[in-house]
Amino acid sequence: MNIARTTAFLVAFGCLQLGATPSGAITEEFAAIVAEILSAQTEGRISEMGPQQKIAMIACVNGVLVNMPNGKKRYIMQGVDLDEREDRFGKVLYENRGEWVQNVARACARVALSGGT
């Protein structure tokens, strides 16, 4: 299975479990945008990950960000293109002294350091 299909499967599978909540549609679209942003990285740690490790990292990040307030998710989602969504994503993750970055780092450190391919 290629990385795009596998990522889409993991995102869809994760969202199916959350679909019963009123914010299910937001969560599903947001998870797809997070996957798109992280998959498009060309520098930094995630860009150096192998396909399986990247898939696991995207799933982990989405698992953490599911708890992000819907207003923040909508702000990111309303970017007109990938560049704007990526910029907004960074702003949200780093506000409040990097609260979301810290949450992701704590939850996903094992995946980030696994060195899987």
N, C-alpha and C. Protein backbone atom coordinates (compact mmCIF):
# COMPACT_ATOMS: atom_id res chain seq x y z
N MET A 1 0.85 -1.17 0.00
CA MET A 1 0.00 0.00 0.00
C MET A 1 0.90 1.24 0.00
N ASN A 2 0.61 2.20 -0.88
CA ASN A 2 1.48 3.38 -0.92
C ASN A 2 1.16 4.32 0.24
N ILE A 3 2.04 5.29 0.48
CA ILE A 3 1.91 6.17 1.64
C ILE A 3 0.62 6.99 1.62
N ALA A 4 0.22 7.47 0.45
CA ALA A 4 -1.00 8.29 0.38
C ALA A 4 -2.23 7.48 0.74
N ARG A 5 -2.32 6.26 0.17
CA ARG A 5 -3.48 5.43 0.48
C ARG A 5 -3.47 4.99 1.94
N THR A 6 -2.30 4.65 2.46
CA THR A 6 -2.21 4.21 3.85
C THR A 6 -2.56 5.35 4.78
N THR A 7 -2.05 6.55 4.49
CA THR A 7 -2.36 7.71 5.32
C THR A 7 -3.86 7.99 5.28
N ALA A 8 -4.43 7.95 4.10
CA ALA A 8 -5.88 8.18 3.97
C ALA A 8 -6.66 7.14 4.76
N PHE A 9 -6.21 5.89 4.71
CA PHE A 9 -6.88 4.83 5.47
C PHE A 9 -6.82 5.11 6.97
N LEU A 10 -5.63 5.45 7.47
CA LEU A 10 -5.48 5.71 8.90
C LEU A 10 -6.32 6.91 9.33
N VAL A 11 -6.30 7.95 8.52
CA VAL A 11 -7.10 9.13 8.84
C VAL A 11 -8.58 8.77 8.86
N ALA A 12 -9.02 8.07 7.83
CA ALA A 12 -10.43 7.69 7.76
C ALA A 12 -10.80 6.76 8.92
N PHE A 13 -9.96 5.80 9.22
CA PHE A 13 -10.25 4.87 10.30
C PHE A 13 -10.35 5.60 11.64
N GLY A 14 -9.42 6.50 11.88
CA GLY A 14 -9.45 7.27 13.11
C GLY A 14 -10.69 8.14 13.21
N CYS A 15 -11.11 8.68 12.10
CA CYS A 15 -12.28 9.56 12.11
C CYS A 15 -13.57 8.77 12.23
N LEU A 16 -13.61 7.55 11.74
CA LEU A 16 -14.83 6.76 11.89
C LEU A 16 -15.17 6.56 13.35
N GLN A 17 -14.16 6.43 14.18
CA GLN A 17 -14.39 6.25 15.60
C GLN A 17 -14.95 7.52 16.23
N LEU A 18 -14.70 8.67 15.62
CA LEU A 18 -15.14 9.94 16.17
C LEU A 18 -16.37 10.49 15.47
N GLY A 19 -16.83 9.79 14.45
CA GLY A 19 -17.92 10.29 13.61
C GLY A 19 -19.22 10.51 14.34
N ALA A 20 -19.42 9.89 15.48
CA ALA A 20 -20.67 10.04 16.21
C ALA A 20 -20.76 11.38 16.92
N THR A 21 -19.66 12.09 17.06
CA THR A 21 -19.68 13.37 17.74
C THR A 21 -20.17 14.45 16.78
N PRO A 22 -20.77 15.51 17.31
CA PRO A 22 -21.25 16.59 16.44
C PRO A 22 -20.13 17.24 15.63
N SER A 23 -18.92 17.20 16.12
CA SER A 23 -17.80 17.81 15.40
C SER A 23 -17.10 16.80 14.49
N GLY A 24 -17.73 15.67 14.22
CA GLY A 24 -17.12 14.62 13.40
C GLY A 24 -16.69 15.09 12.03
N ALA A 25 -17.52 15.90 11.38
CA ALA A 25 -17.18 16.39 10.03
C ALA A 25 -15.96 17.30 10.09
N ILE A 26 -15.90 18.15 11.10
CA ILE A 26 -14.73 19.03 11.26
C ILE A 26 -13.50 18.19 11.53
N THR A 27 -13.63 17.21 12.41
CA THR A 27 -12.50 16.35 12.76
C THR A 27 -11.98 15.61 11.55
N GLU A 28 -12.86 15.08 10.73
CA GLU A 28 -12.46 14.32 9.55
C GLU A 28 -11.71 15.21 8.55
N GLU A 29 -12.26 16.37 8.26
CA GLU A 29 -11.60 17.28 7.32
C GLU A 29 -10.29 17.79 7.89
N PHE A 30 -10.27 18.11 9.18
CA PHE A 30 -9.06 18.61 9.82
C PHE A 30 -7.96 17.55 9.79
N ALA A 31 -8.30 16.31 10.07
CA ALA A 31 -7.31 15.23 10.05
C ALA A 31 -6.69 15.08 8.65
N ALA A 32 -7.49 15.23 7.63
CA ALA A 32 -6.98 15.14 6.26
C ALA A 32 -6.04 16.31 5.96
N ILE A 33 -6.37 17.50 6.46
CA ILE A 33 -5.51 18.67 6.25
C ILE A 33 -4.19 18.50 7.00
N VAL A 34 -4.24 18.01 8.23
CA VAL A 34 -3.01 17.76 8.98
C VAL A 34 -2.13 16.77 8.23
N ALA A 35 -2.74 15.70 7.71
CA ALA A 35 -1.98 14.70 6.93
C ALA A 35 -1.35 15.36 5.71
N GLU A 36 -2.10 16.23 5.03
CA GLU A 36 -1.58 16.92 3.85
C GLU A 36 -0.40 17.82 4.22
N ILE A 37 -0.54 18.57 5.30
CA ILE A 37 0.53 19.48 5.73
C ILE A 37 1.79 18.69 6.10
N LEU A 38 1.63 17.66 6.90
CA LEU A 38 2.80 16.90 7.35
C LEU A 38 3.44 16.12 6.20
N SER A 39 2.64 15.60 5.29
CA SER A 39 3.18 14.86 4.14
C SER A 39 3.95 15.77 3.20
N ALA A 40 3.62 17.05 3.18
CA ALA A 40 4.26 17.99 2.26
C ALA A 40 5.57 18.57 2.80
N GLN A 41 5.95 18.22 4.02
CA GLN A 41 7.18 18.77 4.60
C GLN A 41 8.40 18.36 3.80
N THR A 42 9.26 19.32 3.50
CA THR A 42 10.47 19.05 2.73
C THR A 42 11.74 19.25 3.54
N GLU A 43 11.60 19.75 4.75
CA GLU A 43 12.75 19.87 5.64
C GLU A 43 12.29 19.62 7.06
N GLY A 44 13.25 19.32 7.92
CA GLY A 44 12.91 19.01 9.30
C GLY A 44 12.78 17.51 9.51
N ARG A 45 12.53 17.14 10.73
CA ARG A 45 12.53 15.73 11.15
C ARG A 45 11.52 14.88 10.38
N ILE A 46 10.32 15.38 10.19
CA ILE A 46 9.30 14.55 9.53
C ILE A 46 9.64 14.28 8.07
N SER A 47 10.34 15.21 7.43
CA SER A 47 10.71 15.00 6.03
C SER A 47 11.75 13.90 5.88
N GLU A 48 12.46 13.60 6.94
CA GLU A 48 13.50 12.57 6.92
C GLU A 48 12.98 11.18 7.27
N MET A 49 11.72 11.10 7.67
CA MET A 49 11.14 9.82 8.08
C MET A 49 10.85 8.94 6.87
N GLY A 50 10.96 7.64 7.09
CA GLY A 50 10.55 6.69 6.07
C GLY A 50 9.03 6.65 5.99
N PRO A 51 8.49 5.99 4.97
CA PRO A 51 7.03 5.99 4.76
C PRO A 51 6.23 5.46 5.95
N GLN A 52 6.62 4.36 6.53
CA GLN A 52 5.85 3.79 7.65
C GLN A 52 5.94 4.66 8.89
N GLN A 53 7.12 5.19 9.16
CA GLN A 53 7.29 6.06 10.31
C GLN A 53 6.48 7.35 10.13
N LYS A 54 6.47 7.88 8.90
CA LYS A 54 5.70 9.10 8.63
C LYS A 54 4.20 8.84 8.82
N ILE A 55 3.73 7.70 8.37
CA ILE A 55 2.31 7.34 8.55
C ILE A 55 1.98 7.27 10.03
N ALA A 56 2.85 6.62 10.80
CA ALA A 56 2.63 6.50 12.24
C ALA A 56 2.65 7.87 12.91
N MET A 57 3.55 8.74 12.47
CA MET A 57 3.65 10.08 13.05
C MET A 57 2.40 10.89 12.74
N ILE A 58 1.93 10.84 11.51
CA ILE A 58 0.71 11.57 11.14
C ILE A 58 -0.47 11.08 11.98
N ALA A 59 -0.59 9.78 12.15
CA ALA A 59 -1.68 9.22 12.96
C ALA A 59 -1.56 9.70 14.41
N CYS A 60 -0.34 9.73 14.93
CA CYS A 60 -0.13 10.18 16.31
C CYS A 60 -0.48 11.66 16.46
N VAL A 61 0.01 12.49 15.55
CA VAL A 61 -0.28 13.92 15.61
C VAL A 61 -1.79 14.15 15.54
N ASN A 62 -2.46 13.47 14.63
CA ASN A 62 -3.92 13.61 14.54
C ASN A 62 -4.60 13.15 15.81
N GLY A 63 -4.07 12.11 16.44
CA GLY A 63 -4.63 11.64 17.71
C GLY A 63 -4.54 12.68 18.80
N VAL A 64 -3.49 13.47 18.80
CA VAL A 64 -3.32 14.54 19.79
C VAL A 64 -4.21 15.73 19.43
N LEU A 65 -4.19 16.12 18.17
CA LEU A 65 -4.89 17.34 17.76
C LEU A 65 -6.40 17.18 17.70
N VAL A 66 -6.90 15.97 17.84
CA VAL A 66 -8.35 15.79 17.89
C VAL A 66 -8.94 16.58 19.06
N ASN A 67 -8.13 16.85 20.08
CA ASN A 67 -8.58 17.59 21.26
C ASN A 67 -8.48 19.11 21.09
N MET A 68 -7.97 19.56 19.96
CA MET A 68 -7.87 20.99 19.70
C MET A 68 -9.28 21.58 19.56
N PRO A 69 -9.52 22.76 20.09
CA PRO A 69 -10.85 23.38 19.95
C PRO A 69 -11.24 23.54 18.48
N ASN A 70 -12.52 23.35 18.20
CA ASN A 70 -13.01 23.43 16.83
C ASN A 70 -12.74 24.78 16.18
N GLY A 71 -12.75 25.85 16.94
CA GLY A 71 -12.45 27.17 16.38
C GLY A 71 -11.04 27.23 15.80
N LYS A 72 -10.10 26.63 16.50
CA LYS A 72 -8.71 26.59 16.00
C LYS A 72 -8.63 25.72 14.75
N LYS A 73 -9.34 24.59 14.76
CA LYS A 73 -9.36 23.71 13.58
C LYS A 73 -9.93 24.45 12.38
N ARG A 74 -11.05 25.15 12.58
CA ARG A 74 -11.67 25.90 11.48
C ARG A 74 -10.73 26.96 10.93
N TYR A 75 -10.03 27.65 11.82
CA TYR A 75 -9.08 28.69 11.40
C TYR A 75 -8.04 28.09 10.45
N ILE A 76 -7.51 26.94 10.79
CA ILE A 76 -6.52 26.28 9.93
C ILE A 76 -7.18 25.83 8.62
N MET A 77 -8.35 25.23 8.72
CA MET A 77 -9.04 24.68 7.56
C MET A 77 -9.44 25.76 6.56
N GLN A 78 -9.66 26.98 7.03
CA GLN A 78 -10.12 28.05 6.15
C GLN A 78 -9.01 28.71 5.35
N GLY A 79 -7.78 28.23 5.50
CA GLY A 79 -6.70 28.73 4.65
C GLY A 79 -7.03 28.42 3.20
N VAL A 80 -6.73 29.35 2.30
CA VAL A 80 -7.14 29.20 0.90
C VAL A 80 -6.34 28.16 0.13
N ASP A 81 -5.12 27.87 0.60
CA ASP A 81 -4.30 26.87 -0.08
C ASP A 81 -3.39 26.21 0.95
N LEU A 82 -2.60 25.25 0.50
CA LEU A 82 -1.73 24.51 1.41
C LEU A 82 -0.77 25.43 2.15
N ASP A 83 -0.20 26.40 1.46
CA ASP A 83 0.74 27.31 2.12
C ASP A 83 0.09 28.08 3.26
N GLU A 84 -1.11 28.59 3.03
CA GLU A 84 -1.78 29.35 4.09
C GLU A 84 -2.22 28.43 5.23
N ARG A 85 -2.71 27.24 4.89
CA ARG A 85 -3.09 26.29 5.95
C ARG A 85 -1.87 25.89 6.78
N GLU A 86 -0.74 25.69 6.11
CA GLU A 86 0.49 25.33 6.82
C GLU A 86 0.94 26.47 7.74
N ASP A 87 0.84 27.70 7.27
CA ASP A 87 1.20 28.86 8.08
C ASP A 87 0.29 28.97 9.31
N ARG A 88 -1.00 28.82 9.09
CA ARG A 88 -1.95 28.88 10.19
C ARG A 88 -1.73 27.74 11.18
N PHE A 89 -1.43 26.56 10.65
CA PHE A 89 -1.16 25.39 11.47
C PHE A 89 0.01 25.69 12.42
N GLY A 90 1.08 26.25 11.88
CA GLY A 90 2.24 26.61 12.70
C GLY A 90 1.90 27.64 13.76
N LYS A 91 1.13 28.64 13.39
CA LYS A 91 0.75 29.68 14.35
C LYS A 91 -0.03 29.08 15.51
N VAL A 92 -0.99 28.22 15.21
CA VAL A 92 -1.82 27.62 16.25
C VAL A 92 -0.99 26.70 17.14
N LEU A 93 -0.13 25.90 16.55
CA LEU A 93 0.68 24.97 17.33
C LEU A 93 1.63 25.69 18.28
N TYR A 94 2.11 26.87 17.88
CA TYR A 94 3.10 27.58 18.69
C TYR A 94 2.50 28.64 19.61
N GLU A 95 1.19 28.90 19.54
CA GLU A 95 0.64 29.88 20.47
C GLU A 95 0.59 29.30 21.88
N ASN A 96 0.42 30.15 22.85
CA ASN A 96 0.42 29.75 24.26
C ASN A 96 1.69 28.99 24.63
N ARG A 97 2.82 29.57 24.26
CA ARG A 97 4.13 28.98 24.55
C ARG A 97 4.29 27.57 23.98
N GLY A 98 3.73 27.37 22.81
CA GLY A 98 3.90 26.08 22.13
C GLY A 98 3.12 24.95 22.76
N GLU A 99 1.97 25.26 23.33
CA GLU A 99 1.17 24.25 24.04
C GLU A 99 0.92 23.01 23.19
N TRP A 100 0.48 23.18 21.94
CA TRP A 100 0.17 22.02 21.11
C TRP A 100 1.43 21.30 20.65
N VAL A 101 2.50 22.05 20.42
CA VAL A 101 3.78 21.42 20.06
C VAL A 101 4.24 20.53 21.21
N GLN A 102 4.11 21.02 22.43
CA GLN A 102 4.51 20.24 23.60
C GLN A 102 3.64 18.99 23.74
N ASN A 103 2.33 19.13 23.51
CA ASN A 103 1.43 17.98 23.60
C ASN A 103 1.81 16.91 22.57
N VAL A 104 2.09 17.35 21.35
CA VAL A 104 2.49 16.42 20.29
C VAL A 104 3.82 15.78 20.64
N ALA A 105 4.77 16.57 21.11
CA ALA A 105 6.10 16.04 21.44
C ALA A 105 6.01 14.97 22.52
N ARG A 106 5.21 15.22 23.55
CA ARG A 106 5.05 14.21 24.62
C ARG A 106 4.42 12.94 24.09
N ALA A 107 3.36 13.10 23.32
CA ALA A 107 2.60 11.92 22.87
C ALA A 107 3.31 11.16 21.76
N CYS A 108 4.08 11.84 20.93
CA CYS A 108 4.62 11.21 19.71
C CYS A 108 6.13 11.02 19.74
N ALA A 109 6.76 11.24 20.86
CA ALA A 109 8.22 11.13 20.94
C ALA A 109 8.70 9.74 20.53
N ARG A 110 8.02 8.72 20.97
CA ARG A 110 8.43 7.35 20.65
C ARG A 110 8.41 7.12 19.14
N VAL A 111 7.37 7.62 18.46
CA VAL A 111 7.29 7.47 17.00
C VAL A 111 8.40 8.27 16.34
N ALA A 112 8.61 9.49 16.79
CA ALA A 112 9.62 10.36 16.18
C ALA A 112 11.02 9.78 16.30
N LEU A 113 11.27 9.08 17.39
CA LEU A 113 12.62 8.55 17.64
C LEU A 113 12.79 7.10 17.21
N SER A 114 11.74 6.48 16.69
CA SER A 114 11.80 5.05 16.36
C SER A 114 12.71 4.74 15.20
N GLY A 115 12.88 5.68 14.29
CA GLY A 115 13.78 5.45 13.15
C GLY A 115 13.26 4.40 12.18
N GLY A 116 11.97 4.09 12.23
CA GLY A 116 11.38 3.11 11.32
C GLY A 116 11.38 3.61 9.89
N THR A 117 11.17 2.68 8.96
CA THR A 117 11.16 3.06 7.56
C THR A 117 9.79 2.88 6.97
